[in-house]
Amino acid sequence: MSEQGEKKTPAVRRIFPPAVNAETETFWKSAEDGKLLYGFCLACNEPHYYPRSFCPFCFSDRVEWREASGDARVYTYSIMHRSPTGPYTIAWVTLAEGPRVLTNLVDCDFKKIAVDSPTKLVWKPSEGGAPVPFFTLA
């Protein structure tokens, strides 16, 4: 509260547009169609996220894009209470396909979040760019 006893209205949360380059262009174009992509290495059979042109496990360039189902489970999370835009939750979620994604949990009751809670993909518009993937409780 301010000195006058009035509550401050939280600032509106801004979602900045992603930085798109040659390596991430396919990912963000698919996001515009509501598809979440992850990388899959054909050399070591490991899925990975954030998609890139080489495998972070074996460094092979034999990587292909695959579409995620959008289903995931909370691996770990933290509720951030002290924020100018109000509380938010940052989390690692494990996609049904295997890779872990650093994200925010949105549009849900933060008191109901627990490790291993099922979540699903939701897209939020960015300011003038591709939509950004977030997750909510399923």
N, C-alpha and C. Protein backbone atom coordinates (compact mmCIF):
# COMPACT_ATOMS: atom_id res chain seq x y z
N MET A 1 0.84 -1.19 0.00
CA MET A 1 0.00 0.00 0.00
C MET A 1 0.87 1.24 0.00
N SER A 2 0.37 2.28 -0.62
CA SER A 2 1.10 3.54 -0.62
C SER A 2 0.91 4.23 0.72
N GLU A 3 1.57 5.36 0.89
CA GLU A 3 1.48 6.09 2.15
C GLU A 3 0.06 6.55 2.43
N GLN A 4 -0.74 6.77 1.39
CA GLN A 4 -2.11 7.21 1.57
C GLN A 4 -3.06 6.03 1.84
N GLY A 5 -2.54 4.82 1.90
CA GLY A 5 -3.37 3.64 2.16
C GLY A 5 -4.04 3.08 0.93
N GLU A 6 -3.67 3.53 -0.25
CA GLU A 6 -4.27 3.04 -1.48
C GLU A 6 -3.44 1.90 -2.04
N LYS A 7 -4.14 0.92 -2.59
CA LYS A 7 -3.45 -0.18 -3.27
C LYS A 7 -3.03 0.25 -4.65
N LYS A 8 -1.82 -0.14 -5.04
CA LYS A 8 -1.37 0.13 -6.40
C LYS A 8 -1.93 -0.94 -7.33
N THR A 9 -2.33 -0.53 -8.51
CA THR A 9 -2.78 -1.47 -9.52
C THR A 9 -1.54 -2.07 -10.17
N PRO A 10 -1.47 -3.43 -10.26
CA PRO A 10 -0.29 -4.02 -10.90
C PRO A 10 -0.17 -3.57 -12.36
N ALA A 11 1.06 -3.43 -12.80
CA ALA A 11 1.32 -3.10 -14.19
C ALA A 11 0.86 -4.25 -15.08
N VAL A 12 0.51 -3.95 -16.30
CA VAL A 12 0.10 -4.99 -17.25
C VAL A 12 1.34 -5.75 -17.69
N ARG A 13 1.23 -7.06 -17.70
CA ARG A 13 2.36 -7.88 -18.13
C ARG A 13 2.50 -7.81 -19.64
N ARG A 14 3.70 -7.53 -20.07
CA ARG A 14 3.99 -7.44 -21.50
C ARG A 14 4.70 -8.72 -21.93
N ILE A 15 4.32 -9.23 -23.09
CA ILE A 15 5.01 -10.38 -23.68
C ILE A 15 5.70 -9.86 -24.94
N PHE A 16 7.00 -9.78 -24.87
CA PHE A 16 7.78 -9.24 -25.97
C PHE A 16 7.87 -10.27 -27.11
N PRO A 17 7.94 -9.80 -28.34
CA PRO A 17 8.02 -10.73 -29.46
C PRO A 17 9.35 -11.49 -29.44
N PRO A 18 9.31 -12.73 -29.90
CA PRO A 18 10.55 -13.53 -29.93
C PRO A 18 11.54 -12.99 -30.96
N ALA A 19 12.80 -13.22 -30.67
CA ALA A 19 13.85 -12.89 -31.64
C ALA A 19 13.93 -14.05 -32.62
N VAL A 20 13.62 -13.79 -33.85
CA VAL A 20 13.59 -14.84 -34.87
C VAL A 20 14.86 -14.73 -35.72
N ASN A 21 15.50 -15.88 -35.92
CA ASN A 21 16.66 -15.92 -36.81
C ASN A 21 16.53 -17.17 -37.70
N ALA A 22 17.50 -17.41 -38.54
CA ALA A 22 17.42 -18.53 -39.48
C ALA A 22 17.25 -19.86 -38.75
N GLU A 23 17.87 -20.00 -37.61
CA GLU A 23 17.79 -21.28 -36.88
C GLU A 23 16.43 -21.48 -36.21
N THR A 24 15.74 -20.39 -35.82
CA THR A 24 14.48 -20.51 -35.09
C THR A 24 13.25 -20.19 -35.93
N GLU A 25 13.45 -19.81 -37.17
CA GLU A 25 12.33 -19.39 -38.02
C GLU A 25 11.24 -20.47 -38.14
N THR A 26 11.62 -21.71 -38.35
CA THR A 26 10.64 -22.80 -38.48
C THR A 26 9.82 -22.93 -37.20
N PHE A 27 10.49 -22.83 -36.06
CA PHE A 27 9.81 -22.93 -34.76
C PHE A 27 8.73 -21.86 -34.63
N TRP A 28 9.10 -20.60 -34.91
CA TRP A 28 8.15 -19.50 -34.72
C TRP A 28 7.07 -19.46 -35.79
N LYS A 29 7.37 -19.90 -37.00
CA LYS A 29 6.32 -20.00 -38.03
C LYS A 29 5.28 -21.05 -37.61
N SER A 30 5.74 -22.16 -37.05
CA SER A 30 4.82 -23.19 -36.56
C SER A 30 4.00 -22.67 -35.38
N ALA A 31 4.61 -21.86 -34.54
CA ALA A 31 3.89 -21.26 -33.40
C ALA A 31 2.70 -20.45 -33.89
N GLU A 32 2.88 -19.75 -35.01
CA GLU A 32 1.77 -18.98 -35.59
C GLU A 32 0.60 -19.87 -35.98
N ASP A 33 0.87 -21.15 -36.25
CA ASP A 33 -0.17 -22.12 -36.58
C ASP A 33 -0.61 -22.93 -35.36
N GLY A 34 -0.14 -22.54 -34.16
CA GLY A 34 -0.53 -23.23 -32.94
C GLY A 34 0.18 -24.54 -32.71
N LYS A 35 1.34 -24.71 -33.33
CA LYS A 35 2.10 -25.96 -33.19
C LYS A 35 3.38 -25.71 -32.40
N LEU A 36 3.60 -26.51 -31.36
CA LEU A 36 4.82 -26.43 -30.57
C LEU A 36 5.78 -27.49 -31.09
N LEU A 37 6.94 -27.06 -31.55
CA LEU A 37 7.93 -27.99 -32.08
C LEU A 37 9.05 -28.22 -31.08
N TYR A 38 9.65 -29.39 -31.17
CA TYR A 38 10.87 -29.70 -30.42
C TYR A 38 11.82 -30.39 -31.37
N GLY A 39 13.08 -30.45 -31.00
CA GLY A 39 14.07 -31.10 -31.83
C GLY A 39 14.20 -32.57 -31.45
N PHE A 40 14.48 -33.39 -32.44
CA PHE A 40 14.73 -34.80 -32.19
C PHE A 40 15.97 -35.21 -32.96
N CYS A 41 16.94 -35.77 -32.24
CA CYS A 41 18.21 -36.16 -32.86
C CYS A 41 18.09 -37.56 -33.44
N LEU A 42 18.36 -37.69 -34.72
CA LEU A 42 18.32 -38.99 -35.39
C LEU A 42 19.58 -39.82 -35.12
N ALA A 43 20.62 -39.19 -34.60
CA ALA A 43 21.87 -39.91 -34.30
C ALA A 43 21.80 -40.60 -32.94
N CYS A 44 21.29 -39.90 -31.91
CA CYS A 44 21.28 -40.50 -30.56
C CYS A 44 19.86 -40.73 -30.03
N ASN A 45 18.85 -40.40 -30.83
CA ASN A 45 17.44 -40.60 -30.47
C ASN A 45 17.01 -39.84 -29.22
N GLU A 46 17.58 -38.65 -29.01
CA GLU A 46 17.20 -37.82 -27.87
C GLU A 46 16.36 -36.63 -28.34
N PRO A 47 15.21 -36.41 -27.68
CA PRO A 47 14.45 -35.20 -27.96
C PRO A 47 15.07 -34.03 -27.18
N HIS A 48 14.91 -32.82 -27.69
CA HIS A 48 15.42 -31.67 -26.95
C HIS A 48 14.59 -30.41 -27.24
N TYR A 49 14.65 -29.54 -26.30
CA TYR A 49 13.99 -28.24 -26.38
C TYR A 49 14.95 -27.26 -25.73
N TYR A 50 15.16 -26.24 -26.24
CA TYR A 50 14.74 -25.42 -27.33
C TYR A 50 15.33 -25.98 -28.62
N PRO A 51 14.50 -26.11 -29.66
CA PRO A 51 15.01 -26.66 -30.91
C PRO A 51 16.16 -25.85 -31.49
N ARG A 52 17.14 -26.55 -31.97
CA ARG A 52 18.30 -25.93 -32.61
C ARG A 52 18.81 -26.85 -33.69
N SER A 53 19.77 -26.41 -34.45
CA SER A 53 20.22 -27.16 -35.62
C SER A 53 21.18 -28.30 -35.28
N PHE A 54 21.59 -28.39 -34.03
CA PHE A 54 22.47 -29.50 -33.62
C PHE A 54 21.94 -30.08 -32.31
N CYS A 55 22.30 -31.30 -32.03
CA CYS A 55 21.85 -31.98 -30.82
C CYS A 55 22.70 -31.53 -29.62
N PRO A 56 22.07 -31.10 -28.53
CA PRO A 56 22.85 -30.69 -27.37
C PRO A 56 23.45 -31.86 -26.60
N PHE A 57 23.08 -33.09 -26.96
CA PHE A 57 23.59 -34.28 -26.28
C PHE A 57 24.81 -34.86 -26.98
N CYS A 58 24.71 -35.03 -28.31
CA CYS A 58 25.83 -35.65 -29.03
C CYS A 58 26.44 -34.73 -30.08
N PHE A 59 25.89 -33.54 -30.24
CA PHE A 59 26.36 -32.52 -31.17
C PHE A 59 26.21 -32.88 -32.65
N SER A 60 25.39 -33.89 -32.93
CA SER A 60 25.11 -34.24 -34.32
C SER A 60 24.24 -33.15 -34.96
N ASP A 61 24.37 -33.01 -36.28
CA ASP A 61 23.49 -32.09 -37.00
C ASP A 61 22.32 -32.84 -37.64
N ARG A 62 22.16 -34.11 -37.28
CA ARG A 62 21.05 -34.92 -37.81
C ARG A 62 19.82 -34.73 -36.90
N VAL A 63 19.26 -33.53 -36.95
CA VAL A 63 18.15 -33.16 -36.10
C VAL A 63 16.93 -32.85 -36.96
N GLU A 64 15.77 -33.30 -36.53
CA GLU A 64 14.54 -32.98 -37.24
C GLU A 64 13.55 -32.33 -36.28
N TRP A 65 12.62 -31.57 -36.85
CA TRP A 65 11.55 -30.95 -36.07
C TRP A 65 10.44 -31.95 -35.87
N ARG A 66 9.90 -31.99 -34.66
CA ARG A 66 8.73 -32.81 -34.38
C ARG A 66 7.71 -31.97 -33.62
N GLU A 67 6.43 -32.29 -33.81
CA GLU A 67 5.38 -31.54 -33.13
C GLU A 67 5.04 -32.18 -31.80
N ALA A 68 5.01 -31.38 -30.75
CA ALA A 68 4.64 -31.85 -29.42
C ALA A 68 3.11 -31.90 -29.31
N SER A 69 2.63 -32.80 -28.47
CA SER A 69 1.19 -32.93 -28.26
C SER A 69 0.62 -31.75 -27.48
N GLY A 70 1.47 -31.08 -26.71
CA GLY A 70 0.99 -30.00 -25.85
C GLY A 70 0.71 -30.46 -24.43
N ASP A 71 0.81 -31.76 -24.19
CA ASP A 71 0.62 -32.31 -22.84
C ASP A 71 1.96 -32.34 -22.12
N ALA A 72 1.93 -31.97 -20.84
CA ALA A 72 3.16 -31.95 -20.05
C ALA A 72 2.80 -32.13 -18.58
N ARG A 73 3.85 -32.31 -17.76
CA ARG A 73 3.68 -32.41 -16.31
C ARG A 73 4.69 -31.48 -15.65
N VAL A 74 4.27 -30.89 -14.53
CA VAL A 74 5.15 -29.99 -13.80
C VAL A 74 6.31 -30.79 -13.22
N TYR A 75 7.51 -30.36 -13.53
CA TYR A 75 8.73 -30.97 -12.96
C TYR A 75 9.12 -30.22 -11.68
N THR A 76 9.12 -28.90 -11.75
CA THR A 76 9.36 -28.05 -10.59
C THR A 76 8.81 -26.66 -10.90
N TYR A 77 8.58 -25.86 -9.87
CA TYR A 77 8.01 -24.53 -10.09
C TYR A 77 8.33 -23.61 -8.93
N SER A 78 8.15 -22.33 -9.17
CA SER A 78 8.30 -21.32 -8.13
C SER A 78 7.29 -20.22 -8.38
N ILE A 79 6.57 -19.84 -7.34
CA ILE A 79 5.60 -18.76 -7.46
C ILE A 79 6.31 -17.47 -7.03
N MET A 80 6.34 -16.52 -7.93
CA MET A 80 7.01 -15.25 -7.69
C MET A 80 5.95 -14.24 -7.25
N HIS A 81 5.97 -13.89 -5.98
CA HIS A 81 4.95 -12.99 -5.44
C HIS A 81 5.29 -11.51 -5.60
N ARG A 82 6.56 -11.20 -5.61
CA ARG A 82 6.99 -9.80 -5.66
C ARG A 82 7.32 -9.41 -7.09
N SER A 83 6.31 -8.91 -7.76
CA SER A 83 6.46 -8.53 -9.16
C SER A 83 5.58 -7.32 -9.43
N PRO A 84 6.04 -6.37 -10.23
CA PRO A 84 5.21 -5.21 -10.54
C PRO A 84 3.94 -5.56 -11.32
N THR A 85 3.91 -6.75 -11.93
CA THR A 85 2.72 -7.16 -12.69
C THR A 85 1.85 -8.14 -11.91
N GLY A 86 2.16 -8.36 -10.66
CA GLY A 86 1.40 -9.31 -9.85
C GLY A 86 2.09 -10.66 -9.85
N PRO A 87 1.61 -11.58 -9.00
CA PRO A 87 2.26 -12.89 -8.89
C PRO A 87 2.25 -13.65 -10.22
N TYR A 88 3.30 -14.43 -10.42
CA TYR A 88 3.37 -15.31 -11.58
C TYR A 88 4.13 -16.56 -11.18
N THR A 89 3.96 -17.61 -11.97
CA THR A 89 4.64 -18.88 -11.69
C THR A 89 5.56 -19.23 -12.84
N ILE A 90 6.81 -19.47 -12.49
CA ILE A 90 7.79 -19.96 -13.46
C ILE A 90 7.94 -21.45 -13.18
N ALA A 91 8.07 -22.25 -14.23
CA ALA A 91 8.11 -23.70 -14.04
C ALA A 91 8.91 -24.38 -15.13
N TRP A 92 9.44 -25.53 -14.78
CA TRP A 92 9.94 -26.48 -15.76
C TRP A 92 8.83 -27.50 -15.91
N VAL A 93 8.40 -27.74 -17.14
CA VAL A 93 7.43 -28.81 -17.39
C VAL A 93 8.10 -29.83 -18.31
N THR A 94 7.74 -31.08 -18.13
CA THR A 94 8.26 -32.16 -18.97
C THR A 94 7.20 -32.51 -20.00
N LEU A 95 7.51 -32.29 -21.26
CA LEU A 95 6.58 -32.64 -22.33
C LEU A 95 6.35 -34.15 -22.36
N ALA A 96 5.19 -34.57 -22.81
CA ALA A 96 4.89 -35.99 -22.95
C ALA A 96 5.93 -36.69 -23.82
N GLU A 97 6.55 -35.94 -24.73
CA GLU A 97 7.55 -36.49 -25.64
C GLU A 97 8.94 -36.55 -25.02
N GLY A 98 9.12 -36.00 -23.81
CA GLY A 98 10.39 -36.13 -23.11
C GLY A 98 11.15 -34.88 -22.73
N PRO A 99 11.28 -33.89 -23.62
CA PRO A 99 12.10 -32.74 -23.23
C PRO A 99 11.43 -31.87 -22.16
N ARG A 100 12.26 -31.16 -21.41
CA ARG A 100 11.77 -30.22 -20.41
C ARG A 100 11.80 -28.81 -20.99
N VAL A 101 10.78 -28.04 -20.61
CA VAL A 101 10.60 -26.69 -21.13
C VAL A 101 10.51 -25.72 -19.95
N LEU A 102 11.28 -24.65 -20.00
CA LEU A 102 11.15 -23.57 -19.02
C LEU A 102 10.04 -22.66 -19.50
N THR A 103 9.05 -22.41 -18.64
CA THR A 103 7.85 -21.71 -19.07
C THR A 103 7.23 -20.98 -17.89
N ASN A 104 6.09 -20.37 -18.13
CA ASN A 104 5.24 -19.84 -17.07
C ASN A 104 3.96 -20.64 -17.05
N LEU A 105 3.42 -20.87 -15.87
CA LEU A 105 2.08 -21.44 -15.74
C LEU A 105 1.12 -20.27 -15.62
N VAL A 106 0.09 -20.26 -16.46
CA VAL A 106 -0.83 -19.13 -16.55
C VAL A 106 -2.27 -19.60 -16.45
N ASP A 107 -3.16 -18.64 -16.19
CA ASP A 107 -4.61 -18.88 -16.22
C ASP A 107 -5.03 -20.04 -15.33
N CYS A 108 -4.43 -20.12 -14.12
CA CYS A 108 -4.79 -21.20 -13.21
C CYS A 108 -4.61 -20.71 -11.77
N ASP A 109 -5.18 -21.46 -10.84
CA ASP A 109 -5.05 -21.17 -9.41
C ASP A 109 -3.69 -21.66 -8.95
N PHE A 110 -2.81 -20.74 -8.60
CA PHE A 110 -1.45 -21.10 -8.22
C PHE A 110 -1.42 -22.03 -7.00
N LYS A 111 -2.45 -21.98 -6.17
CA LYS A 111 -2.49 -22.85 -4.98
C LYS A 111 -2.70 -24.32 -5.34
N LYS A 112 -3.16 -24.57 -6.57
CA LYS A 112 -3.43 -25.95 -7.00
C LYS A 112 -2.25 -26.58 -7.74
N ILE A 113 -1.19 -25.83 -7.96
CA ILE A 113 -0.02 -26.35 -8.66
C ILE A 113 0.76 -27.27 -7.73
N ALA A 114 1.19 -28.39 -8.24
CA ALA A 114 2.04 -29.32 -7.49
C ALA A 114 2.98 -30.01 -8.47
N VAL A 115 4.07 -30.51 -7.94
CA VAL A 115 4.98 -31.30 -8.77
C VAL A 115 4.18 -32.46 -9.35
N ASP A 116 4.35 -32.74 -10.61
CA ASP A 116 3.70 -33.79 -11.38
C ASP A 116 2.26 -33.45 -11.79
N SER A 117 1.81 -32.22 -11.54
CA SER A 117 0.47 -31.82 -12.02
C SER A 117 0.45 -31.87 -13.54
N PRO A 118 -0.62 -32.39 -14.13
CA PRO A 118 -0.73 -32.36 -15.59
C PRO A 118 -1.00 -30.94 -16.07
N THR A 119 -0.38 -30.59 -17.18
CA THR A 119 -0.58 -29.27 -17.78
C THR A 119 -0.83 -29.43 -19.27
N LYS A 120 -1.28 -28.34 -19.87
CA LYS A 120 -1.48 -28.34 -21.31
C LYS A 120 -0.99 -27.01 -21.87
N LEU A 121 -0.62 -27.04 -23.10
CA LEU A 121 -0.09 -25.89 -23.82
C LEU A 121 -1.17 -24.85 -24.06
N VAL A 122 -0.81 -23.58 -23.86
CA VAL A 122 -1.66 -22.46 -24.26
C VAL A 122 -0.74 -21.44 -24.93
N TRP A 123 -1.27 -20.71 -25.85
CA TRP A 123 -0.50 -19.69 -26.56
C TRP A 123 -0.95 -18.32 -26.11
N LYS A 124 0.00 -17.42 -25.92
CA LYS A 124 -0.30 -16.03 -25.56
C LYS A 124 0.30 -15.13 -26.64
N PRO A 125 -0.47 -14.13 -27.07
CA PRO A 125 0.06 -13.24 -28.10
C PRO A 125 1.21 -12.40 -27.56
N SER A 126 2.18 -12.16 -28.41
CA SER A 126 3.26 -11.25 -28.06
C SER A 126 2.96 -9.90 -28.70
N GLU A 127 3.74 -8.92 -28.37
CA GLU A 127 3.54 -7.58 -28.91
C GLU A 127 4.07 -7.49 -30.34
N GLY A 128 3.27 -7.92 -31.29
CA GLY A 128 3.63 -7.77 -32.69
C GLY A 128 4.43 -8.90 -33.29
N GLY A 129 4.63 -9.99 -32.58
CA GLY A 129 5.37 -11.12 -33.12
C GLY A 129 4.57 -12.40 -33.01
N ALA A 130 5.26 -13.50 -33.10
CA ALA A 130 4.61 -14.82 -32.99
C ALA A 130 4.06 -15.01 -31.58
N PRO A 131 3.04 -15.84 -31.44
CA PRO A 131 2.55 -16.17 -30.09
C PRO A 131 3.62 -16.95 -29.34
N VAL A 132 3.56 -16.89 -28.02
CA VAL A 132 4.55 -17.51 -27.16
C VAL A 132 3.92 -18.66 -26.39
N PRO A 133 4.59 -19.82 -26.32
CA PRO A 133 4.01 -20.95 -25.60
C PRO A 133 4.13 -20.81 -24.08
N PHE A 134 3.00 -21.07 -23.42
CA PHE A 134 2.92 -21.15 -21.96
C PHE A 134 2.16 -22.42 -21.64
N PHE A 135 2.01 -22.72 -20.37
CA PHE A 135 1.24 -23.90 -19.96
C PHE A 135 0.28 -23.51 -18.86
N THR A 136 -0.81 -24.28 -18.74
CA THR A 136 -1.80 -24.10 -17.69
C THR A 136 -2.14 -25.48 -17.14
N LEU A 137 -2.74 -25.51 -15.95
CA LEU A 137 -3.13 -26.81 -15.39
C LEU A 137 -4.19 -27.45 -16.28
N ALA A 138 -4.05 -28.74 -16.50
CA ALA A 138 -4.99 -29.47 -17.37
C ALA A 138 -6.26 -29.82 -16.60
